[in-house]
Amino acid sequence: MRIRLTVNGTVFTAVPADNEAARALLSRLPAAWTMKELNGNEKYVYLSEGFPAEPKRPARIHAGDLMLYGTDCIVLFYRDFSTTFRYTPLGRIEDPSGLTQAAGRGTARVTAELTE
């Protein structure tokens, strides 16, 4: 099972993580979000309903990482960087080529749906 993420019209395929938060996300798809810009490396959206969280500090964030911050904030990273924050993995885009361009500078319209 994969997640088809469409970011401002560009389609990417993500592999879900193997944890309760990712399974909760999958159960809520399809979904559409308007994600806000933060720090020149991520898009985020707060949801009204939380997810089960098991946050860990990743060694490094990679472009294409789809993470949960806290229990109700989905974050899509479009650049690599080091962090001191803790996240629960939700999934990862298999080939993030073009993600930075697709994400753009402002808000991003992102849809997520299940695919084979």
N, C-alpha and C. Protein backbone atom coordinates (compact mmCIF):
# COMPACT_ATOMS: atom_id res chain seq x y z
N MET A 1 0.84 -1.17 0.00
CA MET A 1 0.00 0.00 0.00
C MET A 1 0.89 1.23 0.00
N ARG A 2 0.50 2.23 -0.77
CA ARG A 2 1.23 3.48 -0.89
C ARG A 2 0.27 4.65 -0.70
N ILE A 3 0.84 5.84 -0.53
CA ILE A 3 0.06 7.06 -0.44
C ILE A 3 0.42 7.92 -1.65
N ARG A 4 -0.58 8.33 -2.40
CA ARG A 4 -0.36 9.26 -3.50
C ARG A 4 -0.53 10.66 -2.92
N LEU A 5 0.58 11.42 -2.89
CA LEU A 5 0.55 12.79 -2.41
C LEU A 5 0.64 13.71 -3.62
N THR A 6 -0.31 14.59 -3.76
CA THR A 6 -0.28 15.58 -4.82
C THR A 6 -0.02 16.92 -4.18
N VAL A 7 1.11 17.53 -4.53
CA VAL A 7 1.55 18.79 -3.94
C VAL A 7 1.48 19.86 -5.01
N ASN A 8 0.52 20.76 -4.89
CA ASN A 8 0.32 21.82 -5.88
C ASN A 8 0.30 21.26 -7.30
N GLY A 9 -0.35 20.13 -7.48
CA GLY A 9 -0.52 19.53 -8.80
C GLY A 9 0.53 18.52 -9.21
N THR A 10 1.61 18.39 -8.48
CA THR A 10 2.66 17.41 -8.80
C THR A 10 2.47 16.18 -7.92
N VAL A 11 2.49 15.00 -8.55
CA VAL A 11 2.19 13.75 -7.86
C VAL A 11 3.47 13.06 -7.38
N PHE A 12 3.43 12.60 -6.13
CA PHE A 12 4.52 11.85 -5.51
C PHE A 12 3.91 10.60 -4.88
N THR A 13 4.74 9.57 -4.72
CA THR A 13 4.30 8.34 -4.06
C THR A 13 5.07 8.19 -2.76
N ALA A 14 4.34 7.95 -1.68
CA ALA A 14 4.97 7.79 -0.36
C ALA A 14 4.69 6.40 0.19
N VAL A 15 5.66 5.90 0.91
CA VAL A 15 5.54 4.63 1.63
C VAL A 15 5.17 4.96 3.07
N PRO A 16 4.07 4.41 3.58
CA PRO A 16 3.72 4.71 4.97
C PRO A 16 4.68 4.05 5.96
N ALA A 17 4.83 4.68 7.11
CA ALA A 17 5.62 4.10 8.19
C ALA A 17 4.84 2.94 8.81
N ASP A 18 5.54 2.11 9.56
CA ASP A 18 4.90 0.97 10.22
C ASP A 18 4.71 1.31 11.70
N ASN A 19 3.65 2.11 11.97
CA ASN A 19 3.34 2.46 13.35
C ASN A 19 1.86 2.86 13.45
N GLU A 20 1.39 3.06 14.66
CA GLU A 20 -0.03 3.36 14.89
C GLU A 20 -0.44 4.70 14.27
N ALA A 21 0.45 5.68 14.33
CA ALA A 21 0.12 7.00 13.77
C ALA A 21 -0.10 6.89 12.26
N ALA A 22 0.78 6.17 11.58
CA ALA A 22 0.63 6.01 10.13
C ALA A 22 -0.64 5.24 9.79
N ARG A 23 -0.95 4.20 10.57
CA ARG A 23 -2.19 3.45 10.32
C ARG A 23 -3.41 4.35 10.55
N ALA A 24 -3.34 5.23 11.54
CA ALA A 24 -4.44 6.17 11.77
C ALA A 24 -4.58 7.13 10.60
N LEU A 25 -3.45 7.59 10.06
CA LEU A 25 -3.50 8.47 8.89
C LEU A 25 -4.14 7.74 7.71
N LEU A 26 -3.71 6.53 7.45
CA LEU A 26 -4.26 5.76 6.33
C LEU A 26 -5.77 5.60 6.45
N SER A 27 -6.25 5.43 7.68
CA SER A 27 -7.69 5.24 7.88
C SER A 27 -8.49 6.52 7.60
N ARG A 28 -7.81 7.66 7.53
CA ARG A 28 -8.48 8.95 7.30
C ARG A 28 -8.34 9.45 5.87
N LEU A 29 -7.75 8.65 5.02
CA LEU A 29 -7.59 9.06 3.63
C LEU A 29 -8.78 8.62 2.81
N PRO A 30 -9.16 9.36 1.78
CA PRO A 30 -8.48 10.51 1.20
C PRO A 30 -8.66 11.77 2.05
N ALA A 31 -7.71 12.69 1.87
CA ALA A 31 -7.74 13.95 2.60
C ALA A 31 -7.14 15.05 1.73
N ALA A 32 -7.52 16.27 2.01
CA ALA A 32 -6.97 17.44 1.32
C ALA A 32 -6.64 18.49 2.37
N TRP A 33 -5.45 19.08 2.25
CA TRP A 33 -5.00 20.06 3.23
C TRP A 33 -4.41 21.27 2.53
N THR A 34 -4.56 22.42 3.13
CA THR A 34 -3.80 23.60 2.76
C THR A 34 -2.71 23.72 3.80
N MET A 35 -1.47 23.48 3.36
CA MET A 35 -0.35 23.43 4.29
C MET A 35 0.41 24.75 4.25
N LYS A 36 0.75 25.25 5.43
CA LYS A 36 1.47 26.51 5.55
C LYS A 36 2.98 26.27 5.49
N GLU A 37 3.70 27.31 5.12
CA GLU A 37 5.15 27.30 5.02
C GLU A 37 5.80 27.56 6.38
N LEU A 38 6.94 26.90 6.63
CA LEU A 38 7.71 27.17 7.84
C LEU A 38 9.19 26.93 7.56
N ASN A 39 10.01 27.90 7.88
CA ASN A 39 11.47 27.80 7.88
C ASN A 39 12.13 27.52 6.53
N GLY A 40 11.41 27.61 5.44
CA GLY A 40 12.01 27.34 4.14
C GLY A 40 12.39 25.90 3.92
N ASN A 41 11.78 24.99 4.73
CA ASN A 41 12.10 23.57 4.55
C ASN A 41 10.92 22.63 4.80
N GLU A 42 9.77 23.20 5.18
CA GLU A 42 8.64 22.31 5.50
C GLU A 42 7.30 22.99 5.27
N LYS A 43 6.29 22.15 5.06
CA LYS A 43 4.89 22.56 5.00
C LYS A 43 4.19 21.83 6.14
N TYR A 44 3.25 22.50 6.78
CA TYR A 44 2.57 21.88 7.92
C TYR A 44 1.09 22.25 7.94
N VAL A 45 0.32 21.39 8.60
CA VAL A 45 -1.10 21.65 8.82
C VAL A 45 -1.50 21.03 10.16
N TYR A 46 -2.26 21.79 10.94
CA TYR A 46 -2.83 21.26 12.18
C TYR A 46 -4.20 20.70 11.87
N LEU A 47 -4.48 19.52 12.39
CA LEU A 47 -5.77 18.86 12.19
C LEU A 47 -6.59 18.95 13.47
N SER A 48 -7.89 18.84 13.33
CA SER A 48 -8.78 18.96 14.49
C SER A 48 -8.77 17.70 15.35
N GLU A 49 -8.36 16.59 14.77
CA GLU A 49 -8.35 15.31 15.50
C GLU A 49 -6.92 14.79 15.56
N GLY A 50 -6.47 14.39 16.75
CA GLY A 50 -5.10 13.95 16.93
C GLY A 50 -4.85 12.51 16.50
N PHE A 51 -3.60 12.13 16.52
CA PHE A 51 -3.13 10.80 16.17
C PHE A 51 -2.38 10.21 17.37
N PRO A 52 -2.26 8.89 17.44
CA PRO A 52 -1.38 8.31 18.46
C PRO A 52 0.06 8.69 18.10
N ALA A 53 0.81 9.15 19.07
CA ALA A 53 2.17 9.63 18.79
C ALA A 53 3.20 8.85 19.58
N GLU A 54 4.33 8.61 18.93
CA GLU A 54 5.50 8.01 19.56
C GLU A 54 6.72 8.80 19.06
N PRO A 55 6.84 10.06 19.51
CA PRO A 55 7.90 10.91 18.95
C PRO A 55 9.31 10.48 19.33
N LYS A 56 10.19 10.63 18.34
CA LYS A 56 11.61 10.35 18.52
C LYS A 56 12.38 11.45 17.80
N ARG A 57 13.57 11.69 18.25
CA ARG A 57 14.40 12.68 17.57
C ARG A 57 15.15 11.99 16.44
N PRO A 58 14.84 12.34 15.19
CA PRO A 58 15.56 11.72 14.08
C PRO A 58 16.99 12.25 14.00
N ALA A 59 17.88 11.44 13.49
CA ALA A 59 19.26 11.88 13.31
C ALA A 59 19.32 13.03 12.31
N ARG A 60 18.46 12.97 11.32
CA ARG A 60 18.41 13.98 10.26
C ARG A 60 17.05 13.92 9.60
N ILE A 61 16.56 15.08 9.16
CA ILE A 61 15.34 15.16 8.37
C ILE A 61 15.74 15.11 6.90
N HIS A 62 14.99 14.40 6.10
CA HIS A 62 15.27 14.30 4.66
C HIS A 62 14.08 14.82 3.86
N ALA A 63 14.36 15.41 2.73
CA ALA A 63 13.30 15.83 1.82
C ALA A 63 12.41 14.62 1.54
N GLY A 64 11.11 14.82 1.68
CA GLY A 64 10.17 13.73 1.45
C GLY A 64 9.67 13.07 2.71
N ASP A 65 10.26 13.42 3.87
CA ASP A 65 9.77 12.87 5.13
C ASP A 65 8.40 13.45 5.45
N LEU A 66 7.47 12.59 5.80
CA LEU A 66 6.14 12.98 6.25
C LEU A 66 6.07 12.60 7.71
N MET A 67 5.91 13.61 8.58
CA MET A 67 6.02 13.38 10.02
C MET A 67 4.82 13.98 10.76
N LEU A 68 4.67 13.52 11.98
CA LEU A 68 3.68 14.05 12.90
C LEU A 68 4.43 14.80 13.99
N TYR A 69 4.08 16.08 14.18
CA TYR A 69 4.65 16.87 15.26
C TYR A 69 3.58 17.00 16.33
N GLY A 70 3.92 16.63 17.55
CA GLY A 70 2.90 16.58 18.60
C GLY A 70 1.94 15.45 18.27
N THR A 71 0.65 15.72 18.42
CA THR A 71 -0.34 14.70 18.08
C THR A 71 -1.25 15.11 16.94
N ASP A 72 -1.17 16.39 16.51
CA ASP A 72 -2.16 16.87 15.55
C ASP A 72 -1.60 17.72 14.41
N CYS A 73 -0.29 17.70 14.22
CA CYS A 73 0.32 18.52 13.17
C CYS A 73 1.07 17.63 12.18
N ILE A 74 0.60 17.60 10.94
CA ILE A 74 1.27 16.84 9.88
C ILE A 74 2.26 17.77 9.21
N VAL A 75 3.48 17.26 9.04
CA VAL A 75 4.56 18.05 8.45
C VAL A 75 5.15 17.29 7.27
N LEU A 76 5.27 18.00 6.14
CA LEU A 76 5.93 17.46 4.95
C LEU A 76 7.20 18.26 4.74
N PHE A 77 8.34 17.60 4.85
CA PHE A 77 9.63 18.27 4.68
C PHE A 77 10.07 18.20 3.23
N TYR A 78 10.56 19.32 2.71
CA TYR A 78 11.00 19.34 1.32
C TYR A 78 12.48 19.69 1.17
N ARG A 79 13.21 19.78 2.28
CA ARG A 79 14.66 19.96 2.25
C ARG A 79 15.28 19.13 3.37
N ASP A 80 16.53 18.71 3.19
CA ASP A 80 17.27 18.00 4.22
C ASP A 80 17.82 19.00 5.24
N PHE A 81 17.87 18.60 6.51
CA PHE A 81 18.48 19.43 7.54
C PHE A 81 18.57 18.65 8.84
N SER A 82 19.34 19.18 9.78
CA SER A 82 19.44 18.59 11.12
C SER A 82 18.40 19.26 12.02
N THR A 83 17.93 18.53 13.03
CA THR A 83 16.91 19.08 13.92
C THR A 83 17.11 18.59 15.35
N THR A 84 16.58 19.34 16.28
CA THR A 84 16.54 18.90 17.67
C THR A 84 15.12 18.55 18.09
N PHE A 85 14.16 18.71 17.16
CA PHE A 85 12.76 18.42 17.46
C PHE A 85 12.48 16.93 17.38
N ARG A 86 11.36 16.53 17.97
CA ARG A 86 10.93 15.13 18.00
C ARG A 86 9.68 14.98 17.14
N TYR A 87 9.65 13.90 16.36
CA TYR A 87 8.54 13.64 15.45
C TYR A 87 8.18 12.15 15.48
N THR A 88 6.94 11.87 15.08
CA THR A 88 6.50 10.50 14.84
C THR A 88 6.45 10.32 13.33
N PRO A 89 7.20 9.37 12.77
CA PRO A 89 7.17 9.17 11.32
C PRO A 89 5.78 8.72 10.84
N LEU A 90 5.34 9.30 9.73
CA LEU A 90 4.10 8.88 9.08
C LEU A 90 4.39 8.19 7.76
N GLY A 91 5.48 8.56 7.11
CA GLY A 91 5.83 7.97 5.83
C GLY A 91 6.97 8.73 5.19
N ARG A 92 7.30 8.32 3.97
CA ARG A 92 8.39 8.95 3.24
C ARG A 92 8.12 8.87 1.75
N ILE A 93 8.29 9.99 1.07
CA ILE A 93 8.16 10.01 -0.39
C ILE A 93 9.32 9.21 -0.99
N GLU A 94 8.98 8.28 -1.88
CA GLU A 94 10.00 7.39 -2.45
C GLU A 94 11.04 8.16 -3.26
N ASP A 95 10.60 9.07 -4.10
CA ASP A 95 11.51 9.87 -4.93
C ASP A 95 11.10 11.33 -4.79
N PRO A 96 11.78 12.08 -3.90
CA PRO A 96 11.39 13.47 -3.66
C PRO A 96 11.90 14.46 -4.71
N SER A 97 12.46 13.98 -5.83
CA SER A 97 12.91 14.89 -6.88
C SER A 97 11.77 15.80 -7.29
N GLY A 98 12.01 17.08 -7.31
CA GLY A 98 10.99 18.04 -7.71
C GLY A 98 10.08 18.50 -6.58
N LEU A 99 10.25 17.94 -5.38
CA LEU A 99 9.38 18.30 -4.27
C LEU A 99 9.56 19.76 -3.85
N THR A 100 10.80 20.23 -3.81
CA THR A 100 11.04 21.63 -3.43
C THR A 100 10.33 22.57 -4.38
N GLN A 101 10.42 22.30 -5.68
CA GLN A 101 9.76 23.15 -6.67
C GLN A 101 8.24 23.05 -6.54
N ALA A 102 7.74 21.86 -6.32
CA ALA A 102 6.29 21.68 -6.19
C ALA A 102 5.75 22.38 -4.95
N ALA A 103 6.49 22.32 -3.86
CA ALA A 103 6.04 22.91 -2.60
C ALA A 103 5.92 24.43 -2.71
N GLY A 104 6.82 25.05 -3.46
CA GLY A 104 6.76 26.49 -3.64
C GLY A 104 7.12 27.26 -2.38
N ARG A 105 6.87 28.56 -2.41
CA ARG A 105 7.29 29.43 -1.31
C ARG A 105 6.19 29.71 -0.30
N GLY A 106 4.95 29.64 -0.68
CA GLY A 106 3.87 29.96 0.24
C GLY A 106 3.12 28.72 0.67
N THR A 107 1.81 28.87 0.83
CA THR A 107 1.01 27.71 1.19
C THR A 107 0.98 26.71 0.04
N ALA A 108 0.75 25.46 0.38
CA ALA A 108 0.69 24.40 -0.62
C ALA A 108 -0.62 23.64 -0.46
N ARG A 109 -1.23 23.32 -1.57
CA ARG A 109 -2.43 22.48 -1.58
C ARG A 109 -1.95 21.04 -1.74
N VAL A 110 -2.25 20.21 -0.75
CA VAL A 110 -1.79 18.82 -0.74
C VAL A 110 -2.98 17.89 -0.59
N THR A 111 -3.06 16.90 -1.46
CA THR A 111 -4.07 15.85 -1.31
C THR A 111 -3.33 14.54 -1.07
N ALA A 112 -3.97 13.68 -0.31
CA ALA A 112 -3.39 12.38 0.02
C ALA A 112 -4.45 11.31 -0.16
N GLU A 113 -4.11 10.25 -0.87
CA GLU A 113 -5.04 9.15 -1.08
C GLU A 113 -4.27 7.84 -1.16
N LEU A 114 -4.96 6.76 -0.85
CA LEU A 114 -4.36 5.43 -0.92
C LEU A 114 -4.22 5.00 -2.36
N THR A 115 -3.15 4.27 -2.63
CA THR A 115 -2.92 3.68 -3.94
C THR A 115 -2.20 2.35 -3.73
N GLU A 116 -2.15 1.56 -4.74
CA GLU A 116 -1.48 0.24 -4.64
C GLU A 116 0.00 0.35 -4.70
